[in-house]
PDB file of N, CA and C in Angstrom:
ATOM      1  N   MET A   1     113.200  83.707 119.530  1.00  0.00           N
ATOM      2  CA  MET A   1     113.083  83.642 118.088  1.00  0.00           C
ATOM      3  C   MET A   1     113.200  85.056 117.536  1.00  0.00           C
ATOM      4  N   GLY A   2     113.894  85.170 116.429  1.00  0.00           N
ATOM      5  CA  GLY A   2     114.106  86.479 115.829  1.00  0.00           C
ATOM      6  C   GLY A   2     112.895  86.967 115.061  1.00  0.00           C
ATOM      7  N   ARG A   3     113.055  88.124 114.539  1.00  0.00           N
ATOM      8  CA  ARG A   3     111.973  88.778 113.807  1.00  0.00           C
ATOM      9  C   ARG A   3     111.570  88.002 112.554  1.00  0.00           C
ATOM     10  N   TYR A   4     112.543  87.394 111.888  1.00  0.00           N
ATOM     11  CA  TYR A   4     112.278  86.672 110.646  1.00  0.00           C
ATOM     12  C   TYR A   4     112.269  85.163 110.860  1.00  0.00           C
ATOM     13  N   GLY A   5     111.985  84.719 112.050  1.00  0.00           N
ATOM     14  CA  GLY A   5     111.975  83.296 112.339  1.00  0.00           C
ATOM     15  C   GLY A   5     113.375  82.815 112.659  1.00  0.00           C
ATOM     16  N   ASP A   6     113.619  81.586 112.335  1.00  0.00           N
ATOM     17  CA  ASP A   6     114.913  80.980 112.639  1.00  0.00           C
ATOM     18  C   ASP A   6     115.709  80.798 111.347  1.00  0.00           C
ATOM     19  N   LEU A   7     116.105  81.905 110.730  1.00  0.00           N
ATOM     20  CA  LEU A   7     116.871  81.850 109.485  1.00  0.00           C
ATOM     21  C   LEU A   7     118.356  81.686 109.778  1.00  0.00           C
ATOM     22  N   ASN A   8     118.993  80.855 109.001  1.00  0.00           N
ATOM     23  CA  ASN A   8     120.436  80.686 109.085  1.00  0.00           C
ATOM     24  C   ASN A   8     121.057  81.623 108.049  1.00  0.00           C
ATOM     25  N   TYR A   9     121.366  82.840 108.471  1.00  0.00           N
ATOM     26  CA  TYR A   9     121.835  83.868 107.539  1.00  0.00           C
ATOM     27  C   TYR A   9     123.135  83.481 106.852  1.00  0.00           C
ATOM     28  N   GLN A  10     124.017  82.839 107.583  1.00  0.00           N
ATOM     29  CA  GLN A  10     125.303  82.457 107.010  1.00  0.00           C
ATOM     30  C   GLN A  10     125.106  81.473 105.854  1.00  0.00           C
ATOM     31  N   TRP A  11     124.240  80.494 106.037  1.00  0.00           N
ATOM     32  CA  TRP A  11     123.977  79.512 104.986  1.00  0.00           C
ATOM     33  C   TRP A  11     123.341  80.170 103.771  1.00  0.00           C
ATOM     34  N   TRP A  12     122.363  81.043 103.987  1.00  0.00           N
ATOM     35  CA  TRP A  12     121.687  81.715 102.871  1.00  0.00           C
ATOM     36  C   TRP A  12     122.653  82.619 102.107  1.00  0.00           C
ATOM     37  N   ALA A  13     123.531  83.315 102.813  1.00  0.00           N
ATOM     38  CA  ALA A  13     124.492  84.201 102.145  1.00  0.00           C
ATOM     39  C   ALA A  13     125.465  83.396 101.285  1.00  0.00           C
ATOM     40  N   LYS A  14     126.001  82.314 101.835  1.00  0.00           N
ATOM     41  CA  LYS A  14     126.950  81.494 101.082  1.00  0.00           C
ATOM     42  C   LYS A  14     126.284  80.801  99.899  1.00  0.00           C
ATOM     43  N   THR A  15     125.111  80.235 100.128  1.00  0.00           N
ATOM     44  CA  THR A  15     124.416  79.521  99.064  1.00  0.00           C
ATOM     45  C   THR A  15     123.993  80.463  97.944  1.00  0.00           C
ATOM     46  N   GLY A  16     123.469  81.623  98.305  1.00  0.00           N
ATOM     47  CA  GLY A  16     123.085  82.599  97.291  1.00  0.00           C
ATOM     48  C   GLY A  16     124.268  83.070  96.472  1.00  0.00           C
ATOM     49  N   PHE A  17     125.397  83.288  97.134  1.00  0.00           N
ATOM     50  CA  PHE A  17     126.602  83.716  96.430  1.00  0.00           C
ATOM     51  C   PHE A  17     127.083  82.635  95.466  1.00  0.00           C
ATOM     52  N   LEU A  18     127.144  81.396  95.941  1.00  0.00           N
ATOM     53  CA  LEU A  18     127.641  80.315  95.090  1.00  0.00           C
ATOM     54  C   LEU A  18     126.709  80.027  93.915  1.00  0.00           C
ATOM     55  N   LEU A  19     125.403  80.074  94.141  1.00  0.00           N
ATOM     56  CA  LEU A  19     124.464  79.876  93.035  1.00  0.00           C
ATOM     57  C   LEU A  19     124.557  81.007  92.014  1.00  0.00           C
ATOM     58  N   SER A  20     124.778  82.209  92.488  1.00  0.00           N
ATOM     59  CA  SER A  20     124.919  83.346  91.578  1.00  0.00           C
ATOM     60  C   SER A  20     126.193  83.235  90.753  1.00  0.00           C
ATOM     61  N   ILE A  21     127.276  82.822  91.378  1.00  0.00           N
ATOM     62  CA  ILE A  21     128.529  82.631  90.647  1.00  0.00           C
ATOM     63  C   ILE A  21     128.377  81.517  89.618  1.00  0.00           C
ATOM     64  N   ALA A  22     127.664  80.447  89.982  1.00  0.00           N
ATOM     65  CA  ALA A  22     127.423  79.357  89.033  1.00  0.00           C
ATOM     66  C   ALA A  22     126.589  79.843  87.850  1.00  0.00           C
ATOM     67  N   LEU A  23     125.579  80.652  88.112  1.00  0.00           N
ATOM     68  CA  LEU A  23     124.741  81.194  87.043  1.00  0.00           C
ATOM     69  C   LEU A  23     125.570  82.066  86.105  1.00  0.00           C
ATOM     70  N   PHE A  24     126.423  82.911  86.670  1.00  0.00           N
ATOM     71  CA  PHE A  24     127.300  83.750  85.855  1.00  0.00           C
ATOM     72  C   PHE A  24     128.253  82.889  85.022  1.00  0.00           C
ATOM     73  N   ALA A  25     128.840  81.872  85.644  1.00  0.00           N
ATOM     74  CA  ALA A  25     129.807  81.030  84.942  1.00  0.00           C
ATOM     75  C   ALA A  25     129.156  80.267  83.792  1.00  0.00           C
ATOM     76  N   ILE A  26     127.935  79.799  83.991  1.00  0.00           N
ATOM     77  CA  ILE A  26     127.243  79.078  82.919  1.00  0.00           C
ATOM     78  C   ILE A  26     126.948  80.017  81.750  1.00  0.00           C
ATOM     79  N   GLY A  27     126.459  81.211  82.050  1.00  0.00           N
ATOM     80  CA  GLY A  27     126.161  82.172  80.991  1.00  0.00           C
ATOM     81  C   GLY A  27     127.403  82.604  80.232  1.00  0.00           C
ATOM     82  N   ALA A  28     128.455  82.942  80.962  1.00  0.00           N
ATOM     83  CA  ALA A  28     129.692  83.380  80.310  1.00  0.00           C
ATOM     84  C   ALA A  28     130.359  82.228  79.568  1.00  0.00           C
ATOM     85  N   GLY A  29     130.343  81.045  80.162  1.00  0.00           N
ATOM     86  CA  GLY A  29     130.942  79.884  79.510  1.00  0.00           C
ATOM     87  C   GLY A  29     130.241  79.514  78.217  1.00  0.00           C
ATOM     88  N   ALA A  30     128.928  79.609  78.215  1.00  0.00           N
ATOM     89  CA  ALA A  30     128.174  79.298  76.997  1.00  0.00           C
ATOM     90  C   ALA A  30     128.484  80.305  75.895  1.00  0.00           C
ATOM     91  N   GLU A  31     128.569  81.573  76.251  1.00  0.00           N
ATOM     92  CA  GLU A  31     128.899  82.584  75.235  1.00  0.00           C
ATOM     93  C   GLU A  31     130.317  82.405  74.708  1.00  0.00           C
ATOM     94  N   LEU A  32     131.265  82.140  75.597  1.00  0.00           N
ATOM     95  CA  LEU A  32     132.643  81.944  75.159  1.00  0.00           C
ATOM     96  C   LEU A  32     132.789  80.687  74.314  1.00  0.00           C
ATOM     97  N   THR A  33     132.062  79.640  74.669  1.00  0.00           N
ATOM     98  CA  THR A  33     132.113  78.411  73.881  1.00  0.00           C
ATOM     99  C   THR A  33     131.552  78.636  72.482  1.00  0.00           C
ATOM    100  N   ALA A  34     130.441  79.342  72.394  1.00  0.00           N
ATOM    101  CA  ALA A  34     129.856  79.632  71.079  1.00  0.00           C
ATOM    102  C   ALA A  34     130.790  80.502  70.247  1.00  0.00           C
ATOM    103  N   ALA A  35     131.440  81.458  70.880  1.00  0.00           N
ATOM    104  CA  ALA A  35     132.370  82.321  70.146  1.00  0.00           C
ATOM    105  C   ALA A  35     133.604  81.543  69.695  1.00  0.00           C
ATOM    106  N   ALA A  36     134.093  80.637  70.533  1.00  0.00           N
ATOM    107  CA  ALA A  36     135.270  79.855  70.173  1.00  0.00           C
ATOM    108  C   ALA A  36     134.977  78.882  69.035  1.00  0.00           C
ATOM    109  N   MET A  37     133.735  78.418  68.962  1.00  0.00           N
ATOM    110  CA  MET A  37     133.349  77.484  67.902  1.00  0.00           C
ATOM    111  C   MET A  37     132.861  78.209  66.650  1.00  0.00           C
ATOM    112  N   HIS A  38     132.867  79.543  66.677  1.00  0.00           N
ATOM    113  CA  HIS A  38     132.396  80.372  65.564  1.00  0.00           C
ATOM    114  C   HIS A  38     130.953  80.039  65.187  1.00  0.00           C
ATOM    115  N   VAL A  39     130.125  79.879  66.215  1.00  0.00           N
ATOM    116  CA  VAL A  39     128.708  79.588  66.025  1.00  0.00           C
ATOM    117  C   VAL A  39     127.930  80.873  66.246  1.00  0.00           C
ATOM    118  N   THR A  40     127.010  81.173  65.347  1.00  0.00           N
ATOM    119  CA  THR A  40     126.151  82.342  65.516  1.00  0.00           C
ATOM    120  C   THR A  40     124.921  81.924  66.308  1.00  0.00           C
ATOM    121  N   LEU A  41     124.729  82.554  67.444  1.00  0.00           N
ATOM    122  CA  LEU A  41     123.595  82.231  68.306  1.00  0.00           C
ATOM    123  C   LEU A  41     122.364  83.021  67.882  1.00  0.00           C
ATOM    124  N   PRO A  42     121.187  82.422  68.018  1.00  0.00           N
ATOM    125  CA  PRO A  42     119.965  83.202  67.804  1.00  0.00           C
ATOM    126  C   PRO A  42     119.867  84.313  68.848  1.00  0.00           C
ATOM    127  N   ALA A  43     119.089  85.311  68.550  1.00  0.00           N
ATOM    128  CA  ALA A  43     118.988  86.471  69.440  1.00  0.00           C
ATOM    129  C   ALA A  43     118.475  86.086  70.822  1.00  0.00           C
ATOM    130  N   TRP A  44     117.529  85.147  70.898  1.00  0.00           N
ATOM    131  CA  TRP A  44     116.978  84.798  72.208  1.00  0.00           C
ATOM    132  C   TRP A  44     118.010  84.079  73.068  1.00  0.00           C
ATOM    133  N   GLU A  45     118.888  83.263  72.455  1.00  0.00           N
ATOM    134  CA  GLU A  45     119.930  82.592  73.230  1.00  0.00           C
ATOM    135  C   GLU A  45     120.975  83.589  73.708  1.00  0.00           C
ATOM    136  N   ASN A  46     121.336  84.519  72.854  1.00  0.00           N
ATOM    137  CA  ASN A  46     122.293  85.546  73.249  1.00  0.00           C
ATOM    138  C   ASN A  46     121.736  86.376  74.398  1.00  0.00           C
ATOM    139  N   ALA A  47     120.460  86.748  74.303  1.00  0.00           N
ATOM    140  CA  ALA A  47     119.828  87.513  75.379  1.00  0.00           C
ATOM    141  C   ALA A  47     119.760  86.693  76.661  1.00  0.00           C
ATOM    142  N   LEU A  48     119.488  85.397  76.549  1.00  0.00           N
ATOM    143  CA  LEU A  48     119.425  84.527  77.722  1.00  0.00           C
ATOM    144  C   LEU A  48     120.770  84.472  78.435  1.00  0.00           C
ATOM    145  N   PHE A  49     121.850  84.284  77.683  1.00  0.00           N
ATOM    146  CA  PHE A  49     123.171  84.190  78.291  1.00  0.00           C
ATOM    147  C   PHE A  49     123.608  85.519  78.906  1.00  0.00           C
ATOM    148  N   VAL A  50     123.293  86.622  78.252  1.00  0.00           N
ATOM    149  CA  VAL A  50     123.620  87.934  78.821  1.00  0.00           C
ATOM    150  C   VAL A  50     122.820  88.172  80.099  1.00  0.00           C
ATOM    151  N   ASP A  51     121.547  87.801  80.080  1.00  0.00           N
ATOM    152  CA  ASP A  51     120.724  87.948  81.284  1.00  0.00           C
ATOM    153  C   ASP A  51     121.235  87.071  82.421  1.00  0.00           C
ATOM    154  N   MET A  52     121.725  85.877  82.096  1.00  0.00           N
ATOM    155  CA  MET A  52     122.296  85.012  83.127  1.00  0.00           C
ATOM    156  C   MET A  52     123.521  85.670  83.757  1.00  0.00           C
ATOM    157  N   GLU A  53     124.336  86.316  82.954  1.00  0.00           N
ATOM    158  CA  GLU A  53     125.508  87.008  83.486  1.00  0.00           C
ATOM    159  C   GLU A  53     125.102  88.173  84.377  1.00  0.00           C
ATOM    160  N   ILE A  54     124.100  88.932  83.957  1.00  0.00           N
ATOM    161  CA  ILE A  54     123.657  90.093  84.736  1.00  0.00           C
ATOM    162  C   ILE A  54     123.049  89.656  86.059  1.00  0.00           C
ATOM    163  N   VAL A  55     122.145  88.673  86.016  1.00  0.00           N
ATOM    164  CA  VAL A  55     121.496  88.199  87.244  1.00  0.00           C
ATOM    165  C   VAL A  55     122.521  87.542  88.167  1.00  0.00           C
ATOM    166  N   GLY A  56     123.472  86.809  87.606  1.00  0.00           N
ATOM    167  CA  GLY A  56     124.519  86.199  88.418  1.00  0.00           C
ATOM    168  C   GLY A  56     125.381  87.234  89.119  1.00  0.00           C
ATOM    169  N   THR A  57     125.726  88.293  88.414  1.00  0.00           N
ATOM    170  CA  THR A  57     126.528  89.361  89.019  1.00  0.00           C
ATOM    171  C   THR A  57     125.762  90.077  90.121  1.00  0.00           C
ATOM    172  N   LEU A  58     124.512  90.425  89.843  1.00  0.00           N
ATOM    173  CA  LEU A  58     123.700  91.103  90.865  1.00  0.00           C
ATOM    174  C   LEU A  58     123.472  90.214  92.084  1.00  0.00           C
ATOM    175  N   GLY A  59     123.219  88.939  91.844  1.00  0.00           N
ATOM    176  CA  GLY A  59     123.021  88.014  92.955  1.00  0.00           C
ATOM    177  C   GLY A  59     124.272  87.852  93.797  1.00  0.00           C
ATOM    178  N   ALA A  60     125.432  87.788  93.149  1.00  0.00           N
ATOM    179  CA  ALA A  60     126.685  87.646  93.887  1.00  0.00           C
ATOM    180  C   ALA A  60     126.981  88.884  94.725  1.00  0.00           C
ATOM    181  N   LEU A  61     126.554  90.041  94.257  1.00  0.00           N
ATOM    182  CA  LEU A  61     126.775  91.266  95.023  1.00  0.00           C
ATOM    183  C   LEU A  61     125.735  91.457  96.126  1.00  0.00           C
ATOM    184  N   LEU A  62     124.483  91.139  95.834  1.00  0.00           N
ATOM    185  CA  LEU A  62     123.405  91.450  96.773  1.00  0.00           C
ATOM    186  C   LEU A  62     123.144  90.366  97.812  1.00  0.00           C
ATOM    187  N   SER A  63     123.380  89.110  97.481  1.00  0.00           N
ATOM    188  CA  SER A  63     123.079  88.034  98.429  1.00  0.00           C
ATOM    189  C   SER A  63     123.878  88.155  99.730  1.00  0.00           C
ATOM    190  N   PRO A  64     125.201  88.320  99.693  1.00  0.00           N
ATOM    191  CA  PRO A  64     125.921  88.495 100.958  1.00  0.00           C
ATOM    192  C   PRO A  64     125.554  89.797 101.670  1.00  0.00           C
ATOM    193  N   LEU A  65     125.254  90.830 100.898  1.00  0.00           N
ATOM    194  CA  LEU A  65     124.878  92.099 101.516  1.00  0.00           C
ATOM    195  C   LEU A  65     123.560  91.970 102.267  1.00  0.00           C
ATOM    196  N   VAL A  66     122.574  91.357 101.628  1.00  0.00           N
ATOM    197  CA  VAL A  66     121.252  91.235 102.252  1.00  0.00           C
ATOM    198  C   VAL A  66     121.276  90.237 103.398  1.00  0.00           C
ATOM    199  N   PHE A  67     121.775  89.013 103.146  1.00  0.00           N
ATOM    200  CA  PHE A  67     121.712  87.963 104.160  1.00  0.00           C
ATOM    201  C   PHE A  67     122.867  88.009 105.149  1.00  0.00           C
ATOM    202  N   GLY A  68     123.957  88.667 104.805  1.00  0.00           N
ATOM    203  CA  GLY A  68     125.092  88.724 105.711  1.00  0.00           C
ATOM    204  C   GLY A  68     125.184  89.999 106.516  1.00  0.00           C
ATOM    205  N   VAL A  69     124.567  91.089 106.042  1.00  0.00           N
ATOM    206  CA  VAL A  69     124.696  92.374 106.727  1.00  0.00           C
ATOM    207  C   VAL A  69     123.341  92.943 107.130  1.00  0.00           C
ATOM    208  N   ILE A  70     122.454  93.142 106.173  1.00  0.00           N
ATOM    209  CA  ILE A  70     121.214  93.891 106.434  1.00  0.00           C
ATOM    210  C   ILE A  70     120.251  93.125 107.333  1.00  0.00           C
ATOM    211  N   LEU A  71     119.906  91.890 106.975  1.00  0.00           N
ATOM    212  CA  LEU A  71     118.930  91.149 107.777  1.00  0.00           C
ATOM    213  C   LEU A  71     119.411  90.851 109.201  1.00  0.00           C
ATOM    214  N   PRO A  72     120.677  90.452 109.416  1.00  0.00           N
ATOM    215  CA  PRO A  72     121.097  90.261 110.808  1.00  0.00           C
ATOM    216  C   PRO A  72     121.063  91.553 111.633  1.00  0.00           C
ATOM    217  N   LEU A  73     121.281  92.695 110.999  1.00  0.00           N
ATOM    218  CA  LEU A  73     121.237  93.953 111.745  1.00  0.00           C
ATOM    219  C   LEU A  73     119.819  94.361 112.123  1.00  0.00           C
ATOM    220  N   THR A  74     118.817  93.855 111.394  1.00  0.00           N
ATOM    221  CA  THR A  74     117.437  94.216 111.710  1.00  0.00           C
ATOM    222  C   THR A  74     116.821  93.320 112.772  1.00  0.00           C
ATOM    223  N   GLU A  75     117.528  92.305 113.220  1.00  0.00           N
ATOM    224  CA  GLU A  75     117.006  91.423 114.277  1.00  0.00           C
ATOM    225  C   GLU A  75     116.855  92.187 115.569  1.00  0.00           C
TER     226      GLU A  75
END
């Protein structure tokens, strides 16, 4: 058994990446839809969608790095 138990790093890396891309797509899609419909969003909704894009981007970059490279090397 490894240091971190029996983790399936490949599954965690792929799942984290796909969930992050989905989060980014939902945030960006909502903003683009509101802009295309000429709808003014409240400040909290605009902040929510921007935060979804930021967290999605960071997750897509860090999830494969952490679960695909760093954690397997520390075993």
